[in-house]
Amino acid sequence: MEVLGIFTDIESAGKVVEGLVGAGFTEAQITSLTSVSYPDGVLVKTGRRSWFRWLALAGGFAGAVAGFCLAAGTAWLYPVQTGDKPIIAFYPTGIVTFELTMLFAIAGTLAGMFLELGLPPWGRRPYDQAISEGCIGISVAIYSGGEAVACGRGEEADECIGIIASVPAEVQKSRAEEIMREAGALRIIAEATP
């Protein structure tokens, strides 16, 4: 289940994040939805590593290897002797290698972009049109009491899903809605996620 609160300014959104963390929710449970990109930590510190540049780099490296193997391998398998010139020529091999490097780097960049943005969305999440019009959405994931959640290595369960997760889901939901109302939410949307 997720609870989404819509806020008009960054101060009230920051206030609700502080209130939620103070109530026992972790920042891993809280997500900010904005039409303006804020740096990590302005509203919610995700601590999530970005694989975007590494996928682009891996794509470029794979393209360089594929381009070299294509150009040099073709010349090696089907040798054409033209006087004293080498079978694997530098400039034609370099051109094909460069072109495939760029092609694979672009493909890696697109794959990284889709992964970073979470596209396509695999589940239904609460959303409000006001977010695209400049409002800020703060979403809180509500876990049912005692639900097993995969925590990171070295993370305790209360760090991963928060100490408030020990109470029933309805109590968590009402507490999150109460904190959002106190901070001045325009609307609060609660939806069960599949």
Protein backbone atom coordinates (compact mmCIF):
# COMPACT_ATOMS: atom_id res chain seq x y z
CA MET A 1 0.00 0.00 0.00
CA GLU A 2 1.21 3.52 -0.69
CA VAL A 3 0.04 6.88 0.61
CA LEU A 4 0.69 9.92 -1.59
CA GLY A 5 0.45 13.47 -0.31
CA ILE A 6 0.44 16.50 -2.64
CA PHE A 7 2.21 19.66 -1.43
CA THR A 8 2.52 23.11 -2.99
CA ASP A 9 6.00 24.04 -1.80
CA ILE A 10 9.27 22.44 -0.84
CA GLU A 11 9.10 23.62 2.78
CA SER A 12 5.90 21.70 3.53
CA ALA A 13 7.22 18.67 1.65
CA GLY A 14 10.42 18.78 3.71
CA LYS A 15 8.37 19.14 6.88
CA VAL A 16 6.34 16.02 6.09
CA VAL A 17 9.50 14.01 5.34
CA GLU A 18 10.94 15.03 8.71
CA GLY A 19 7.66 14.13 10.42
CA LEU A 20 7.51 10.73 8.73
CA VAL A 21 11.11 9.90 9.64
CA GLY A 22 10.44 11.07 13.20
CA ALA A 23 7.40 8.77 13.37
CA GLY A 24 9.52 5.72 12.54
CA PHE A 25 9.34 5.48 8.75
CA THR A 26 12.70 5.16 7.00
CA GLU A 27 13.81 7.25 4.05
CA ALA A 28 13.86 4.03 2.02
CA GLN A 29 10.06 3.96 2.37
CA ILE A 30 9.62 7.61 1.34
CA THR A 31 9.75 8.75 -2.28
CA SER A 32 9.48 12.27 -3.68
CA LEU A 33 7.69 12.87 -6.97
CA THR A 34 8.37 16.22 -8.63
CA SER A 35 8.31 17.77 -12.07
CA VAL A 36 11.55 19.57 -11.19
CA SER A 37 14.64 17.53 -10.48
CA TYR A 38 16.06 18.21 -7.04
CA PRO A 39 19.46 16.85 -6.01
CA ASP A 40 19.48 13.71 -3.90
CA GLY A 41 18.99 14.62 -0.27
CA VAL A 42 16.99 17.84 -0.72
CA LEU A 43 13.74 16.08 0.10
CA VAL A 44 14.63 12.41 0.51
CA LYS A 45 18.07 10.86 0.59
CA THR A 46 17.80 7.71 -1.48
CA GLY A 47 21.44 6.67 -1.29
CA ARG A 48 20.80 4.72 -4.48
CA ARG A 49 23.75 4.23 -6.76
CA SER A 50 23.33 5.21 -10.35
CA TRP A 51 24.36 2.63 -12.93
CA PHE A 52 23.67 5.03 -15.79
CA ARG A 53 27.26 5.93 -16.70
CA TRP A 54 28.51 2.39 -16.17
CA LEU A 55 25.98 1.01 -18.63
CA ALA A 56 27.01 3.60 -21.21
CA LEU A 57 30.67 2.75 -20.63
CA ALA A 58 30.01 -1.00 -20.86
CA GLY A 59 28.05 -0.45 -24.07
CA GLY A 60 30.91 1.56 -25.55
CA PHE A 61 33.47 -1.06 -24.57
CA ALA A 62 31.35 -3.88 -26.00
CA GLY A 63 30.92 -1.85 -29.20
CA ALA A 64 34.68 -1.29 -29.51
CA VAL A 65 35.34 -5.01 -29.14
CA ALA A 66 32.54 -5.90 -31.56
CA GLY A 67 33.68 -3.30 -34.10
CA PHE A 68 37.29 -4.43 -33.99
CA CYS A 69 36.32 -8.10 -34.22
CA LEU A 70 33.99 -7.37 -37.14
CA ALA A 71 36.48 -5.32 -39.17
CA ALA A 72 39.69 -7.17 -38.30
CA GLY A 73 38.02 -10.59 -38.23
CA THR A 74 36.51 -10.11 -41.66
CA ALA A 75 39.86 -9.02 -43.09
CA TRP A 76 41.60 -11.94 -41.39
CA LEU A 77 39.08 -14.57 -42.53
CA TYR A 78 38.88 -13.28 -46.10
CA PRO A 79 42.37 -11.93 -46.83
CA VAL A 80 42.81 -9.82 -49.96
CA GLN A 81 46.46 -9.33 -50.78
CA THR A 82 47.06 -5.92 -52.32
CA GLY A 83 50.77 -5.57 -52.80
CA ASP A 84 52.76 -4.92 -49.64
CA LYS A 85 49.83 -3.53 -47.64
CA PRO A 86 48.79 -5.20 -44.36
CA ILE A 87 45.75 -7.49 -44.36
CA ILE A 88 44.22 -5.68 -41.39
CA ALA A 89 44.37 -2.00 -42.33
CA PHE A 90 44.39 0.58 -39.53
CA TYR A 91 42.01 3.24 -40.90
CA PRO A 92 39.13 1.03 -42.12
CA THR A 93 39.31 -1.03 -38.92
CA GLY A 94 39.38 2.15 -36.82
CA ILE A 95 36.36 3.62 -38.59
CA VAL A 96 34.22 0.50 -38.10
CA THR A 97 35.40 0.20 -34.49
CA PHE A 98 34.50 3.85 -33.79
CA GLU A 99 31.06 3.55 -35.38
CA LEU A 100 30.10 0.43 -33.43
CA THR A 101 31.54 1.94 -30.23
CA MET A 102 29.22 4.92 -30.60
CA LEU A 103 26.23 2.74 -31.55
CA PHE A 104 26.63 0.46 -28.54
CA ALA A 105 27.35 3.42 -26.21
CA ILE A 106 24.10 5.06 -27.30
CA ALA A 107 22.22 1.78 -26.77
CA GLY A 108 23.79 1.46 -23.30
CA THR A 109 22.83 5.05 -22.51
CA LEU A 110 19.22 4.44 -23.52
CA ALA A 111 19.07 1.22 -21.50
CA GLY A 112 20.53 3.05 -18.49
CA MET A 113 18.06 5.89 -18.89
CA PHE A 114 15.08 3.52 -18.94
CA LEU A 115 16.39 1.63 -15.90
CA GLU A 116 17.13 4.85 -14.00
CA LEU A 117 13.66 6.25 -14.68
CA GLY A 118 11.95 2.96 -13.85
CA LEU A 119 10.38 2.64 -17.28
CA PRO A 120 8.23 0.85 -18.06
CA PRO A 121 6.46 0.94 -14.70
CA TRP A 122 5.93 -2.62 -13.49
CA GLY A 123 3.27 -1.82 -10.94
CA ARG A 124 0.51 0.68 -10.41
CA ARG A 125 1.51 3.55 -8.17
CA PRO A 126 -0.54 6.48 -6.92
CA TYR A 127 -0.15 9.64 -8.98
CA ASP A 128 -1.81 13.04 -9.20
CA GLN A 129 -1.86 15.42 -12.18
CA ALA A 130 -0.85 18.29 -9.88
CA ILE A 131 2.70 16.87 -9.73
CA SER A 132 3.24 17.67 -13.41
CA GLU A 133 1.88 21.18 -12.78
CA GLY A 134 4.56 22.02 -10.21
CA CYS A 135 3.36 20.46 -6.97
CA ILE A 136 5.46 18.02 -4.98
CA GLY A 137 4.29 14.52 -4.16
CA ILE A 138 5.59 12.60 -1.14
CA SER A 139 4.81 8.89 -1.27
CA VAL A 140 5.16 6.50 1.67
CA ALA A 141 5.27 2.72 1.26
CA ILE A 142 3.22 1.02 3.95
CA TYR A 143 4.21 -2.53 4.81
CA SER A 144 1.92 -4.86 6.70
CA GLY A 145 3.16 -5.72 10.17
CA GLY A 146 5.67 -8.56 10.15
CA GLU A 147 5.97 -8.58 6.35
CA ALA A 148 9.28 -9.95 5.10
CA VAL A 149 11.09 -7.28 3.11
CA ALA A 150 14.45 -7.83 1.44
CA CYS A 151 16.93 -5.62 3.26
CA GLY A 152 20.40 -4.78 2.04
CA ARG A 153 23.46 -6.61 3.34
CA GLY A 154 24.37 -5.43 6.83
CA GLU A 155 21.01 -3.68 7.30
CA GLU A 156 18.79 -4.42 10.24
CA ALA A 157 15.06 -4.87 9.64
CA ASP A 158 14.18 -1.66 11.50
CA GLU A 159 16.63 0.27 9.28
CA CYS A 160 15.14 -1.24 6.13
CA ILE A 161 11.41 -0.95 6.76
CA GLY A 162 11.31 1.26 9.83
CA ILE A 163 10.28 0.60 13.40
CA ILE A 164 6.73 1.67 12.62
CA ALA A 165 6.37 -1.47 10.45
CA SER A 166 5.71 -3.48 13.61
CA VAL A 167 2.25 -1.94 13.94
CA PRO A 168 -0.65 -2.95 11.65
CA ALA A 169 -0.83 -1.43 8.17
CA GLU A 170 -4.00 0.56 8.91
CA VAL A 171 -2.34 2.26 11.88
CA GLN A 172 0.70 3.09 9.72
CA LYS A 173 -1.57 4.46 7.00
CA SER A 174 -3.56 6.65 9.39
CA ARG A 175 -0.37 7.93 11.05
CA ALA A 176 1.15 8.84 7.64
CA GLU A 177 -2.06 10.61 6.57
CA GLU A 178 -2.18 12.51 9.87
CA ILE A 179 1.43 13.71 9.44
CA MET A 180 0.67 14.78 5.86
CA ARG A 181 -2.43 16.73 6.92
CA GLU A 182 -0.47 18.50 9.67
CA ALA A 183 2.17 19.54 7.11
CA GLY A 184 -0.50 21.07 4.85
CA ALA A 185 -1.17 18.51 2.13
CA LEU A 186 -3.55 19.58 -0.64
CA ARG A 187 -4.72 16.02 -1.20
CA ILE A 188 -3.90 12.58 0.13
CA ILE A 189 -4.29 9.54 -2.08
CA ALA A 190 -4.01 6.03 -0.65
CA GLU A 191 -3.89 3.07 -3.00
CA ALA A 192 -3.09 -0.57 -2.58
CA THR A 193 -0.20 -1.59 -4.82
CA PRO A 194 -0.25 -5.06 -6.36
